[in-house]
Amino acid sequence: MTRSILVSAIIVFLQLFSFEQKATAQNIGERTFQYKDEKRNRPVITEIWYPTTDTLTQKDKAFSPFIRVQTVRNGKVPGKKMPLIFVSHGAGGGRLTLEWLVDKLVQNGFIVAAVDHYGNTYEHSTAEGFLEPWERPQDISFALTQLLKDADFGSVIDRQRLGMAGFSIGGYTTLALAGAEINLEVLKAYYKSPKGKKEINLPEFPGLLNYIDKPEILQSFKNAPPLKDTRFKAFFAICPASGQGFVSKTQVKNVTAPVYIIAAQADSIAPAATNALQYHQLIGKSKYYVVKGKVGHYVFLNETVDQLKKEAPTYFTDDASVSRHHVHEEVSQLAVDFFKQNLH
């Protein structure tokens, strides 16, 4: 989603609407860390959510265009070790655009963290940010290292129970951290094909094909280190993108941990046939689930107030037969069950 659409929608919302939020039996604490990866000269803003015994106060009631659970800003951290799940947003999104999944995980006993992938968010979008997905797994690994060194969270994160989840290109990010290795030349060749040209024409950043042969992108790819992070033990990928860059099982030979792949039946942005199903067929032991019906790609973004639906219908309005809330409930429960089963 573009910055202008979202920002204008938020302004209108603040002027016209009162804040809508879900009630919750589990208080959720929330903190923001302004990290910077000096080695890559790249900001890695990181949000963390966690169960807290602190209660909500009036100052915690912040405005948002998203329907979400109220959180206790800088609430007390848990008093015991807990598993941690990282969440990676889709292209043009941000660290707060998958709070439906975050809320469910925290309410079921997980600490959850998410980062802004610089250059690939609604606040900061560049062609390179959209075409260099290998930078994203490095963001996650860097942020995890920082959190494990943090004075408060380093002692409560159970380092033996770390999981990874992501949506769209965040799904690729998830699988790259599991050990999947993309073939850039295969991906570029696909995007130049008649079918591929349609798939690379993203509403978040039109005209990406014009930048795909920039030498800086190839150099960035060559400079990327191995992306697999063995600290993560289970991987949950929702409508993973960039599957067209995977054509051989040798590219996923290093994926050994449990993997669960979710597809949407009516996804036209990252069609299952060339993305989610492609990954599943290559990763032999992966689990695979298709959300049935006229469920499109963007159903996995947060629920929003009506004004934002009007301002950005592409991202926040679904087919009349689809309940975004019910899809979120279904998929978040699958994630909870998967991580509970695989992070012992």
C-alpha atoms as a PDB file:
ATOM      1  CA  MET A   1       0.000   0.000   0.000  1.00  0.00           C
ATOM      2  CA  THR A   2       1.344   3.456  -0.739  1.00  0.00           C
ATOM      3  CA  ARG A   3       2.318   5.882   1.995  1.00  0.00           C
ATOM      4  CA  SER A   4      -0.027   8.584   0.659  1.00  0.00           C
ATOM      5  CA  ILE A   5      -3.096   6.337   0.743  1.00  0.00           C
ATOM      6  CA  LEU A   6      -2.460   5.082   4.251  1.00  0.00           C
ATOM      7  CA  VAL A   7      -1.431   8.412   5.733  1.00  0.00           C
ATOM      8  CA  SER A   8      -4.409  10.246   4.249  1.00  0.00           C
ATOM      9  CA  ALA A   9      -6.718   7.538   5.498  1.00  0.00           C
ATOM     10  CA  ILE A  10      -5.307   7.807   8.998  1.00  0.00           C
ATOM     11  CA  ILE A  11      -5.756  11.585   8.997  1.00  0.00           C
ATOM     12  CA  VAL A  12      -9.359  11.311   7.875  1.00  0.00           C
ATOM     13  CA  PHE A  13      -9.969   8.607  10.418  1.00  0.00           C
ATOM     14  CA  LEU A  14      -8.549  10.655  13.262  1.00  0.00           C
ATOM     15  CA  GLN A  15     -10.799  13.523  12.304  1.00  0.00           C
ATOM     16  CA  LEU A  16     -14.017  11.586  11.875  1.00  0.00           C
ATOM     17  CA  PHE A  17     -13.960   8.358  13.810  1.00  0.00           C
ATOM     18  CA  SER A  18     -13.557   7.106  17.342  1.00  0.00           C
ATOM     19  CA  PHE A  19     -11.130   4.240  17.885  1.00  0.00           C
ATOM     20  CA  GLU A  20     -12.425   0.670  17.420  1.00  0.00           C
ATOM     21  CA  GLN A  21     -10.696  -2.079  19.365  1.00  0.00           C
ATOM     22  CA  LYS A  22     -11.288  -5.657  20.407  1.00  0.00           C
ATOM     23  CA  ALA A  23     -11.669  -6.634  24.020  1.00  0.00           C
ATOM     24  CA  THR A  24      -9.108  -9.096  25.364  1.00  0.00           C
ATOM     25  CA  ALA A  25      -8.733 -11.285  28.408  1.00  0.00           C
ATOM     26  CA  GLN A  26      -4.943 -11.205  28.082  1.00  0.00           C
ATOM     27  CA  ASN A  27      -3.149  -7.914  28.562  1.00  0.00           C
ATOM     28  CA  ILE A  28      -0.507  -7.364  25.899  1.00  0.00           C
ATOM     29  CA  GLY A  29       2.569  -5.253  26.485  1.00  0.00           C
ATOM     30  CA  GLU A  30       4.251  -3.488  23.574  1.00  0.00           C
ATOM     31  CA  ARG A  31       7.626  -1.816  23.078  1.00  0.00           C
ATOM     32  CA  THR A  32       9.475  -0.277  20.145  1.00  0.00           C
ATOM     33  CA  PHE A  33      13.224  -0.563  19.571  1.00  0.00           C
ATOM     34  CA  GLN A  34      15.024   1.811  17.201  1.00  0.00           C
ATOM     35  CA  TYR A  35      17.772  -0.537  16.076  1.00  0.00           C
ATOM     36  CA  LYS A  36      20.244   0.171  13.307  1.00  0.00           C
ATOM     37  CA  ASP A  37      22.396  -2.388  11.539  1.00  0.00           C
ATOM     38  CA  GLU A  38      25.590  -0.362  11.202  1.00  0.00           C
ATOM     39  CA  LYS A  39      27.211  -2.978   8.986  1.00  0.00           C
ATOM     40  CA  ARG A  40      24.510  -2.504   6.335  1.00  0.00           C
ATOM     41  CA  ASN A  41      23.756   1.132   7.263  1.00  0.00           C
ATOM     42  CA  ARG A  42      20.143   0.126   7.617  1.00  0.00           C
ATOM     43  CA  PRO A  43      17.520   0.945  10.263  1.00  0.00           C
ATOM     44  CA  VAL A  44      15.728  -2.082  11.692  1.00  0.00           C
ATOM     45  CA  ILE A  45      12.844  -0.692  13.732  1.00  0.00           C
ATOM     46  CA  THR A  46      11.534  -3.553  15.844  1.00  0.00           C
ATOM     47  CA  GLU A  47       8.232  -3.935  17.678  1.00  0.00           C
ATOM     48  CA  ILE A  48       7.754  -6.503  20.407  1.00  0.00           C
ATOM     49  CA  TRP A  49       4.553  -7.715  22.027  1.00  0.00           C
ATOM     50  CA  TYR A  50       4.321  -9.907  25.124  1.00  0.00           C
ATOM     51  CA  PRO A  51       1.980 -10.978  27.918  1.00  0.00           C
ATOM     52  CA  THR A  52       2.025  -8.475  30.780  1.00  0.00           C
ATOM     53  CA  THR A  53       0.433  -8.250  34.200  1.00  0.00           C
ATOM     54  CA  ASP A  54       0.179  -4.469  33.895  1.00  0.00           C
ATOM     55  CA  THR A  55      -3.247  -2.981  33.288  1.00  0.00           C
ATOM     56  CA  LEU A  56      -4.303  -0.600  30.542  1.00  0.00           C
ATOM     57  CA  THR A  57      -4.378   3.102  31.298  1.00  0.00           C
ATOM     58  CA  GLN A  58      -5.876   6.020  29.395  1.00  0.00           C
ATOM     59  CA  LYS A  59      -2.492   6.909  27.899  1.00  0.00           C
ATOM     60  CA  ASP A  60      -2.307   3.460  26.268  1.00  0.00           C
ATOM     61  CA  LYS A  61      -5.387   4.133  24.139  1.00  0.00           C
ATOM     62  CA  ALA A  62      -3.636   5.169  20.946  1.00  0.00           C
ATOM     63  CA  PHE A  63      -5.379   5.848  17.646  1.00  0.00           C
ATOM     64  CA  SER A  64      -5.047   3.445  14.747  1.00  0.00           C
ATOM     65  CA  PRO A  65      -6.925   2.745  11.507  1.00  0.00           C
ATOM     66  CA  PHE A  66      -6.618  -0.954  12.320  1.00  0.00           C
ATOM     67  CA  ILE A  67      -9.004  -2.920  14.516  1.00  0.00           C
ATOM     68  CA  ARG A  68      -6.656  -4.327  17.098  1.00  0.00           C
ATOM     69  CA  VAL A  69      -6.214  -5.251  20.736  1.00  0.00           C
ATOM     70  CA  GLN A  70      -5.246  -2.396  23.020  1.00  0.00           C
ATOM     71  CA  THR A  71      -1.710  -2.785  24.331  1.00  0.00           C
ATOM     72  CA  VAL A  72       0.109  -1.570  27.420  1.00  0.00           C
ATOM     73  CA  ARG A  73       2.947   0.615  26.200  1.00  0.00           C
ATOM     74  CA  ASN A  74       6.215  -0.469  27.873  1.00  0.00           C
ATOM     75  CA  GLY A  75       4.374  -2.831  30.207  1.00  0.00           C
ATOM     76  CA  LYS A  76       6.145  -5.160  32.611  1.00  0.00           C
ATOM     77  CA  VAL A  77       7.863  -8.089  30.898  1.00  0.00           C
ATOM     78  CA  PRO A  78       6.945 -11.714  31.729  1.00  0.00           C
ATOM     79  CA  GLY A  79       8.483 -13.287  34.794  1.00  0.00           C
ATOM     80  CA  LYS A  80       9.327 -16.577  33.076  1.00  0.00           C
ATOM     81  CA  LYS A  81      10.934 -17.801  29.883  1.00  0.00           C
ATOM     82  CA  MET A  82       8.614 -17.880  26.883  1.00  0.00           C
ATOM     83  CA  PRO A  83       8.923 -18.831  23.192  1.00  0.00           C
ATOM     84  CA  LEU A  84       9.412 -16.037  20.654  1.00  0.00           C
ATOM     85  CA  ILE A  85       7.891 -15.778  17.180  1.00  0.00           C
ATOM     86  CA  PHE A  86       9.163 -13.238  14.638  1.00  0.00           C
ATOM     87  CA  VAL A  87       6.664 -11.941  12.058  1.00  0.00           C
ATOM     88  CA  SER A  88       7.644 -10.461   8.666  1.00  0.00           C
ATOM     89  CA  HIS A  89       5.252  -8.128   6.822  1.00  0.00           C
ATOM     90  CA  GLY A  90       4.404  -8.115   3.114  1.00  0.00           C
ATOM     91  CA  ALA A  91       5.685  -5.710   0.469  1.00  0.00           C
ATOM     92  CA  GLY A  92       4.625  -2.145   1.149  1.00  0.00           C
ATOM     93  CA  GLY A  93       3.319  -3.027   4.600  1.00  0.00           C
ATOM     94  CA  GLY A  94       4.914  -2.498   7.984  1.00  0.00           C
ATOM     95  CA  ARG A  95       5.592  -4.091  11.316  1.00  0.00           C
ATOM     96  CA  LEU A  96       2.044  -3.315  12.520  1.00  0.00           C
ATOM     97  CA  THR A  97       0.076  -4.715   9.565  1.00  0.00           C
ATOM     98  CA  LEU A  98      -0.210  -8.285  10.899  1.00  0.00           C
ATOM     99  CA  GLU A  99      -1.402  -7.528  14.418  1.00  0.00           C
ATOM    100  CA  TRP A 100      -4.269 -10.010  14.034  1.00  0.00           C
ATOM    101  CA  LEU A 101      -1.651 -12.769  14.062  1.00  0.00           C
ATOM    102  CA  VAL A 102       0.427 -11.082  16.748  1.00  0.00           C
ATOM    103  CA  ASP A 103      -2.546 -10.761  19.114  1.00  0.00           C
ATOM    104  CA  LYS A 104      -3.499 -14.419  18.785  1.00  0.00           C
ATOM    105  CA  LEU A 105       0.038 -15.633  19.384  1.00  0.00           C
ATOM    106  CA  VAL A 106       0.567 -13.466  22.464  1.00  0.00           C
ATOM    107  CA  GLN A 107      -2.787 -14.527  23.905  1.00  0.00           C
ATOM    108  CA  ASN A 108      -1.587 -18.110  23.566  1.00  0.00           C
ATOM    109  CA  GLY A 109       1.666 -17.699  25.444  1.00  0.00           C
ATOM    110  CA  PHE A 110       4.170 -16.394  22.896  1.00  0.00           C
ATOM    111  CA  ILE A 111       6.327 -13.292  22.753  1.00  0.00           C
ATOM    112  CA  VAL A 112       6.129 -11.818  19.232  1.00  0.00           C
ATOM    113  CA  ALA A 113       8.451  -9.427  17.395  1.00  0.00           C
ATOM    114  CA  ALA A 114       8.219  -7.733  13.993  1.00  0.00           C
ATOM    115  CA  VAL A 115      10.457  -5.349  12.064  1.00  0.00           C
ATOM    116  CA  ASP A 116      10.013  -2.675   9.420  1.00  0.00           C
ATOM    117  CA  HIS A 117      11.889  -3.904   6.342  1.00  0.00           C
ATOM    118  CA  TYR A 118      13.509  -0.659   5.193  1.00  0.00           C
ATOM    119  CA  GLY A 119      12.705   0.296   1.597  1.00  0.00           C
ATOM    120  CA  ASN A 120       9.777  -2.119   1.514  1.00  0.00           C
ATOM    121  CA  THR A 121       7.259  -0.396   3.811  1.00  0.00           C
ATOM    122  CA  TYR A 122       4.398   2.031   3.242  1.00  0.00           C
ATOM    123  CA  GLU A 123       6.516   4.749   4.877  1.00  0.00           C
ATOM    124  CA  HIS A 124       9.656   4.102   2.841  1.00  0.00           C
ATOM    125  CA  SER A 125       9.445   2.369  -0.545  1.00  0.00           C
ATOM    126  CA  THR A 126      12.250   2.046  -3.080  1.00  0.00           C
ATOM    127  CA  ALA A 127      12.668  -0.169  -6.129  1.00  0.00           C
ATOM    128  CA  GLU A 128      15.671  -1.785  -4.466  1.00  0.00           C
ATOM    129  CA  GLY A 129      13.634  -2.425  -1.336  1.00  0.00           C
ATOM    130  CA  PHE A 130      11.098  -4.346  -3.413  1.00  0.00           C
ATOM    131  CA  LEU A 131      13.625  -6.200  -5.570  1.00  0.00           C
ATOM    132  CA  GLU A 132      16.209  -7.208  -2.944  1.00  0.00           C
ATOM    133  CA  PRO A 133      14.245  -9.600  -0.714  1.00  0.00           C
ATOM    134  CA  TRP A 134      17.437 -11.182   0.633  1.00  0.00           C
ATOM    135  CA  GLU A 135      17.917  -8.054   2.777  1.00  0.00           C
ATOM    136  CA  ARG A 136      14.800  -8.971   4.773  1.00  0.00           C
ATOM    137  CA  PRO A 137      16.028 -12.205   6.410  1.00  0.00           C
ATOM    138  CA  GLN A 138      19.125 -10.300   7.476  1.00  0.00           C
ATOM    139  CA  ASP A 139      16.867  -7.745   9.197  1.00  0.00           C
ATOM    140  CA  ILE A 140      15.230 -10.543  11.184  1.00  0.00           C
ATOM    141  CA  SER A 141      18.491 -12.187  12.209  1.00  0.00           C
ATOM    142  CA  PHE A 142      19.934  -8.831  13.254  1.00  0.00           C
ATOM    143  CA  ALA A 143      16.859  -7.912  15.320  1.00  0.00           C
ATOM    144  CA  LEU A 144      16.828 -11.322  16.997  1.00  0.00           C
ATOM    145  CA  THR A 145      20.451 -10.904  18.031  1.00  0.00           C
ATOM    146  CA  GLN A 146      19.679  -7.489  19.523  1.00  0.00           C
ATOM    147  CA  LEU A 147      16.659  -8.762  21.459  1.00  0.00           C
ATOM    148  CA  LEU A 148      18.636 -11.663  22.876  1.00  0.00           C
ATOM    149  CA  LYS A 149      21.152  -9.124  24.214  1.00  0.00           C
ATOM    150  CA  ASP A 150      18.463  -6.839  25.654  1.00  0.00           C
ATOM    151  CA  ALA A 151      18.526  -6.325  29.411  1.00  0.00           C
ATOM    152  CA  ASP A 152      14.811  -7.075  29.793  1.00  0.00           C
ATOM    153  CA  PHE A 153      14.011  -9.575  27.055  1.00  0.00           C
ATOM    154  CA  GLY A 154      17.278 -11.472  26.820  1.00  0.00           C
ATOM    155  CA  SER A 155      16.488 -13.378  29.994  1.00  0.00           C
ATOM    156  CA  VAL A 156      12.821 -14.160  29.230  1.00  0.00           C
ATOM    157  CA  ILE A 157      13.068 -15.280  25.589  1.00  0.00           C
ATOM    158  CA  ASP A 158      13.462 -19.050  25.455  1.00  0.00           C
ATOM    159  CA  ARG A 159      16.309 -19.429  22.978  1.00  0.00           C
ATOM    160  CA  GLN A 160      15.414 -23.035  22.294  1.00  0.00           C
ATOM    161  CA  ARG A 161      11.874 -22.130  21.195  1.00  0.00           C
ATOM    162  CA  LEU A 162      12.145 -19.570  18.399  1.00  0.00           C
ATOM    163  CA  GLY A 163       9.726 -19.517  15.471  1.00  0.00           C
ATOM    164  CA  MET A 164       9.328 -17.499  12.286  1.00  0.00           C
ATOM    165  CA  ALA A 165       6.195 -16.423  10.404  1.00  0.00           C
ATOM    166  CA  GLY A 166       5.576 -14.116   7.471  1.00  0.00           C
ATOM    167  CA  PHE A 167       3.123 -13.013   4.813  1.00  0.00           C
ATOM    168  CA  SER A 168       3.719 -12.581   1.054  1.00  0.00           C
ATOM    169  CA  ILE A 169       7.358 -11.523   0.585  1.00  0.00           C
ATOM    170  CA  GLY A 170       7.484 -12.000   4.345  1.00  0.00           C
ATOM    171  CA  GLY A 171       6.626 -15.623   3.558  1.00  0.00           C
ATOM    172  CA  TYR A 172       9.705 -15.775   1.341  1.00  0.00           C
ATOM    173  CA  THR A 173      11.644 -14.173   4.203  1.00  0.00           C
ATOM    174  CA  THR A 174      10.431 -16.952   6.470  1.00  0.00           C
ATOM    175  CA  LEU A 175      11.470 -19.710   4.088  1.00  0.00           C
ATOM    176  CA  ALA A 176      14.835 -18.084   3.373  1.00  0.00           C
ATOM    177  CA  LEU A 177      15.556 -18.155   7.107  1.00  0.00           C
ATOM    178  CA  ALA A 178      14.603 -21.840   7.020  1.00  0.00           C
ATOM    179  CA  GLY A 179      17.308 -22.397   4.381  1.00  0.00           C
ATOM    180  CA  ALA A 180      15.602 -21.857   0.999  1.00  0.00           C
ATOM    181  CA  GLU A 181      17.990 -20.288  -1.545  1.00  0.00           C
ATOM    182  CA  ILE A 182      16.493 -18.160  -4.331  1.00  0.00           C
ATOM    183  CA  ASN A 183      17.833 -18.192  -7.902  1.00  0.00           C
ATOM    184  CA  LEU A 184      17.853 -14.553  -9.009  1.00  0.00           C
ATOM    185  CA  GLU A 185      18.359 -15.243 -12.706  1.00  0.00           C
ATOM    186  CA  VAL A 186      15.442 -17.684 -12.819  1.00  0.00           C
ATOM    187  CA  LEU A 187      13.252 -15.168 -11.001  1.00  0.00           C
ATOM    188  CA  LYS A 188      14.217 -12.341 -13.370  1.00  0.00           C
ATOM    189  CA  ALA A 189      13.577 -14.492 -16.437  1.00  0.00           C
ATOM    190  CA  TYR A 190      10.115 -15.352 -15.132  1.00  0.00           C
ATOM    191  CA  TYR A 191       9.240 -11.715 -14.467  1.00  0.00           C
ATOM    192  CA  LYS A 192      10.158 -10.876 -18.056  1.00  0.00           C
ATOM    193  CA  SER A 193       7.751 -13.496 -19.417  1.00  0.00           C
ATOM    194  CA  PRO A 194       4.171 -12.492 -20.346  1.00  0.00           C
ATOM    195  CA  LYS A 195       2.768 -14.218 -17.254  1.00  0.00           C
ATOM    196  CA  GLY A 196       5.506 -12.910 -14.991  1.00  0.00           C
ATOM    197  CA  LYS A 197       5.023  -9.306 -16.098  1.00  0.00           C
ATOM    198  CA  LYS A 198       1.533  -9.419 -14.623  1.00  0.00           C
ATOM    199  CA  GLU A 199       2.769 -10.789 -11.300  1.00  0.00           C
ATOM    200  CA  ILE A 200       5.538  -8.225 -10.864  1.00  0.00           C
ATOM    201  CA  ASN A 201       3.158  -5.343 -11.548  1.00  0.00           C
ATOM    202  CA  LEU A 202       2.402  -4.815  -7.863  1.00  0.00           C
ATOM    203  CA  PRO A 203      -0.083  -2.111  -6.826  1.00  0.00           C
ATOM    204  CA  GLU A 204       2.296  -1.128  -4.025  1.00  0.00           C
ATOM    205  CA  PHE A 205       5.045  -0.177  -6.499  1.00  0.00           C
ATOM    206  CA  PRO A 206       4.036  -0.114 -10.190  1.00  0.00           C
ATOM    207  CA  GLY A 207       6.756  -0.371 -12.820  1.00  0.00           C
ATOM    208  CA  LEU A 208       9.169  -2.618 -10.930  1.00  0.00           C
ATOM    209  CA  LEU A 209      10.142  -4.397 -14.138  1.00  0.00           C
ATOM    210  CA  ASN A 210      11.927  -1.211 -15.233  1.00  0.00           C
ATOM    211  CA  TYR A 211      14.414  -1.638 -12.370  1.00  0.00           C
ATOM    212  CA  ILE A 212      14.986  -5.386 -12.405  1.00  0.00           C
ATOM    213  CA  ASP A 213      18.268  -5.308 -14.335  1.00  0.00           C
ATOM    214  CA  LYS A 214      19.937  -2.600 -12.241  1.00  0.00           C
ATOM    215  CA  PRO A 215      23.531  -3.726 -11.526  1.00  0.00           C
ATOM    216  CA  GLU A 216      23.162  -2.642  -7.889  1.00  0.00           C
ATOM    217  CA  ILE A 217      20.561  -5.358  -7.387  1.00  0.00           C
ATOM    218  CA  LEU A 218      22.834  -8.085  -8.755  1.00  0.00           C
ATOM    219  CA  GLN A 219      25.679  -6.812  -6.579  1.00  0.00           C
ATOM    220  CA  SER A 220      23.430  -6.801  -3.521  1.00  0.00           C
ATOM    221  CA  PHE A 221      22.512 -10.421  -4.248  1.00  0.00           C
ATOM    222  CA  LYS A 222      26.161 -11.430  -4.600  1.00  0.00           C
ATOM    223  CA  ASN A 223      27.040  -9.692  -1.342  1.00  0.00           C
ATOM    224  CA  ALA A 224      24.282 -11.389   0.658  1.00  0.00           C
ATOM    225  CA  PRO A 225      25.545 -13.903   3.237  1.00  0.00           C
ATOM    226  CA  PRO A 226      23.889 -17.283   3.777  1.00  0.00           C
ATOM    227  CA  LEU A 227      20.402 -16.466   5.052  1.00  0.00           C
ATOM    228  CA  LYS A 228      19.509 -19.602   6.999  1.00  0.00           C
ATOM    229  CA  ASP A 229      19.247 -18.897  10.720  1.00  0.00           C
ATOM    230  CA  THR A 230      19.491 -22.124  12.706  1.00  0.00           C
ATOM    231  CA  ARG A 231      18.225 -20.402  15.846  1.00  0.00           C
ATOM    232  CA  PHE A 232      14.691 -20.642  14.437  1.00  0.00           C
ATOM    233  CA  LYS A 233      13.090 -24.070  14.839  1.00  0.00           C
ATOM    234  CA  ALA A 234       9.733 -23.779  12.996  1.00  0.00           C
ATOM    235  CA  PHE A 235       8.476 -21.750  10.020  1.00  0.00           C
ATOM    236  CA  PHE A 236       4.942 -20.609   9.079  1.00  0.00           C
ATOM    237  CA  ALA A 237       4.639 -18.957   5.641  1.00  0.00           C
ATOM    238  CA  ILE A 238       1.385 -17.271   4.529  1.00  0.00           C
ATOM    239  CA  CYS A 239       0.981 -16.802   0.747  1.00  0.00           C
ATOM    240  CA  PRO A 240       4.761 -16.736   0.277  1.00  0.00           C
ATOM    241  CA  ALA A 241       5.943 -14.745  -2.756  1.00  0.00           C
ATOM    242  CA  SER A 242       8.984 -15.145  -5.068  1.00  0.00           C
ATOM    243  CA  GLY A 243       8.273 -18.846  -5.509  1.00  0.00           C
ATOM    244  CA  GLN A 244       9.051 -18.380  -9.196  1.00  0.00           C
ATOM    245  CA  GLY A 245      12.726 -18.178  -8.215  1.00  0.00           C
ATOM    246  CA  PHE A 246      12.652 -21.774  -6.980  1.00  0.00           C
ATOM    247  CA  VAL A 247      12.791 -24.581  -9.542  1.00  0.00           C
ATOM    248  CA  SER A 248      15.006 -27.236  -7.983  1.00  0.00           C
ATOM    249  CA  LYS A 249      14.971 -29.255  -4.767  1.00  0.00           C
ATOM    250  CA  THR A 250      18.653 -28.441  -4.394  1.00  0.00           C
ATOM    251  CA  GLN A 251      17.549 -24.888  -3.534  1.00  0.00           C
ATOM    252  CA  VAL A 252      15.694 -26.163  -0.471  1.00  0.00           C
ATOM    253  CA  LYS A 253      18.024 -28.968   0.564  1.00  0.00           C
ATOM    254  CA  ASN A 254      18.970 -27.008   3.698  1.00  0.00           C
ATOM    255  CA  VAL A 255      15.359 -26.677   4.854  1.00  0.00           C
ATOM    256  CA  THR A 256      15.207 -29.271   7.613  1.00  0.00           C
ATOM    257  CA  ALA A 257      12.939 -27.737  10.276  1.00  0.00           C
ATOM    258  CA  PRO A 258       9.116 -28.005  10.236  1.00  0.00           C
ATOM    259  CA  VAL A 259       7.444 -25.781   7.615  1.00  0.00           C
ATOM    260  CA  TYR A 260       3.754 -24.927   7.216  1.00  0.00           C
ATOM    261  CA  ILE A 261       2.652 -23.107   4.043  1.00  0.00           C
ATOM    262  CA  ILE A 262      -0.703 -21.332   3.736  1.00  0.00           C
ATOM    263  CA  ALA A 263      -2.253 -20.422   0.369  1.00  0.00           C
ATOM    264  CA  ALA A 264      -5.348 -18.426  -0.590  1.00  0.00           C
ATOM    265  CA  GLN A 265      -7.492 -19.967  -3.305  1.00  0.00           C
ATOM    266  CA  ALA A 266      -8.203 -16.683  -5.139  1.00  0.00           C
ATOM    267  CA  ASP A 267      -4.794 -15.051  -4.663  1.00  0.00           C
ATOM    268  CA  SER A 268      -3.957 -13.032  -7.804  1.00  0.00           C
ATOM    269  CA  ILE A 269      -0.931 -11.195  -6.344  1.00  0.00           C
ATOM    270  CA  ALA A 270       1.089 -14.258  -5.345  1.00  0.00           C
ATOM    271  CA  PRO A 271      -0.858 -17.044  -7.101  1.00  0.00           C
ATOM    272  CA  ALA A 272      -0.565 -20.337  -5.273  1.00  0.00           C
ATOM    273  CA  ALA A 273       0.440 -22.278  -8.392  1.00  0.00           C
ATOM    274  CA  THR A 274       3.678 -20.326  -8.835  1.00  0.00           C
ATOM    275  CA  ASN A 275       4.331 -19.511  -5.196  1.00  0.00           C
ATOM    276  CA  ALA A 276       2.890 -21.379  -2.188  1.00  0.00           C
ATOM    277  CA  LEU A 277       2.358 -24.647  -4.068  1.00  0.00           C
ATOM    278  CA  GLN A 278       5.746 -24.346  -5.733  1.00  0.00           C
ATOM    279  CA  TYR A 279       7.462 -24.100  -2.356  1.00  0.00           C
ATOM    280  CA  HIS A 280       5.389 -26.954  -0.953  1.00  0.00           C
ATOM    281  CA  GLN A 281       6.199 -29.295  -3.830  1.00  0.00           C
ATOM    282  CA  LEU A 282       9.914 -28.627  -3.437  1.00  0.00           C
ATOM    283  CA  ILE A 283      10.010 -28.784   0.371  1.00  0.00           C
ATOM    284  CA  GLY A 284       9.043 -32.407   0.699  1.00  0.00           C
ATOM    285  CA  LYS A 285       7.940 -32.579   4.330  1.00  0.00           C
ATOM    286  CA  SER A 286       6.153 -29.223   4.447  1.00  0.00           C
ATOM    287  CA  LYS A 287       2.503 -28.991   5.467  1.00  0.00           C
ATOM    288  CA  TYR A 288       0.159 -27.185   3.073  1.00  0.00           C
ATOM    289  CA  TYR A 289      -3.242 -25.620   3.583  1.00  0.00           C
ATOM    290  CA  VAL A 290      -5.456 -23.679   1.179  1.00  0.00           C
ATOM    291  CA  VAL A 291      -7.973 -21.150   2.506  1.00  0.00           C
ATOM    292  CA  LYS A 292     -10.950 -21.881   0.290  1.00  0.00           C
ATOM    293  CA  GLY A 293     -13.338 -19.498  -1.447  1.00  0.00           C
ATOM    294  CA  LYS A 294     -12.876 -16.093  -3.046  1.00  0.00           C
ATOM    295  CA  VAL A 295     -10.071 -15.292  -0.624  1.00  0.00           C
ATOM    296  CA  GLY A 296      -7.568 -12.868  -2.116  1.00  0.00           C
ATOM    297  CA  HIS A 297      -4.025 -11.967  -1.172  1.00  0.00           C
ATOM    298  CA  TYR A 298      -4.724  -8.917   0.963  1.00  0.00           C
ATOM    299  CA  VAL A 299      -7.223 -10.666   3.234  1.00  0.00           C
ATOM    300  CA  PHE A 300      -4.199 -11.296   5.456  1.00  0.00           C
ATOM    301  CA  LEU A 301      -3.754  -7.620   6.265  1.00  0.00           C
ATOM    302  CA  ASN A 302      -5.406  -6.267   9.418  1.00  0.00           C
ATOM    303  CA  GLU A 303      -9.106  -5.572   9.649  1.00  0.00           C
ATOM    304  CA  THR A 304      -9.739  -1.846   9.411  1.00  0.00           C
ATOM    305  CA  VAL A 305     -12.330   0.819  10.052  1.00  0.00           C
ATOM    306  CA  ASP A 306     -14.749   1.567   7.198  1.00  0.00           C
ATOM    307  CA  GLN A 307     -13.025   4.818   6.220  1.00  0.00           C
ATOM    308  CA  LEU A 308      -9.771   3.063   5.376  1.00  0.00           C
ATOM    309  CA  LYS A 309     -11.704   0.483   3.345  1.00  0.00           C
ATOM    310  CA  LYS A 310     -13.044   3.365   1.266  1.00  0.00           C
ATOM    311  CA  GLU A 311      -9.632   5.026   0.938  1.00  0.00           C
ATOM    312  CA  ALA A 312      -7.740   1.841   0.007  1.00  0.00           C
ATOM    313  CA  PRO A 313     -10.231  -0.786  -1.210  1.00  0.00           C
ATOM    314  CA  THR A 314      -7.548  -2.841  -2.972  1.00  0.00           C
ATOM    315  CA  TYR A 315      -5.995  -3.747   0.349  1.00  0.00           C
ATOM    316  CA  PHE A 316      -8.872  -3.708   2.795  1.00  0.00           C
ATOM    317  CA  THR A 317     -12.062  -4.696   0.946  1.00  0.00           C
ATOM    318  CA  ASP A 318     -12.749  -8.363   0.278  1.00  0.00           C
ATOM    319  CA  ASP A 319     -15.280 -10.248  -1.797  1.00  0.00           C
ATOM    320  CA  ALA A 320     -18.735 -10.118  -0.205  1.00  0.00           C
ATOM    321  CA  SER A 321     -18.554 -13.862   0.451  1.00  0.00           C
ATOM    322  CA  VAL A 322     -15.366 -13.527   2.522  1.00  0.00           C
ATOM    323  CA  SER A 323     -15.093 -12.647   6.211  1.00  0.00           C
ATOM    324  CA  ARG A 324     -11.616 -11.281   6.848  1.00  0.00           C
ATOM    325  CA  HIS A 325     -12.190 -11.787  10.564  1.00  0.00           C
ATOM    326  CA  HIS A 326     -13.017 -15.471  10.119  1.00  0.00           C
ATOM    327  CA  VAL A 327      -9.998 -16.016   7.856  1.00  0.00           C
ATOM    328  CA  HIS A 328      -7.774 -14.436  10.498  1.00  0.00           C
ATOM    329  CA  GLU A 329      -9.278 -16.630  13.201  1.00  0.00           C
ATOM    330  CA  GLU A 330      -8.763 -19.749  11.101  1.00  0.00           C
ATOM    331  CA  VAL A 331      -5.176 -19.066  10.074  1.00  0.00           C
ATOM    332  CA  SER A 332      -4.009 -17.669  13.409  1.00  0.00           C
ATOM    333  CA  GLN A 333      -5.272 -20.803  15.145  1.00  0.00           C
ATOM    334  CA  LEU A 334      -3.352 -22.935  12.650  1.00  0.00           C
ATOM    335  CA  ALA A 335      -0.240 -20.902  13.499  1.00  0.00           C
ATOM    336  CA  VAL A 336      -0.768 -21.287  17.245  1.00  0.00           C
ATOM    337  CA  ASP A 337      -1.255 -25.051  16.930  1.00  0.00           C
ATOM    338  CA  PHE A 338       1.761 -25.402  14.637  1.00  0.00           C
ATOM    339  CA  PHE A 339       4.130 -23.511  16.904  1.00  0.00           C
ATOM    340  CA  LYS A 340       2.873 -25.224  20.064  1.00  0.00           C
ATOM    341  CA  GLN A 341       3.463 -28.588  18.421  1.00  0.00           C
ATOM    342  CA  ASN A 342       6.928 -27.784  17.068  1.00  0.00           C
ATOM    343  CA  LEU A 343       8.456 -25.528  19.706  1.00  0.00           C
ATOM    344  CA  HIS A 344       8.618 -27.916  22.634  1.00  0.00           C
END
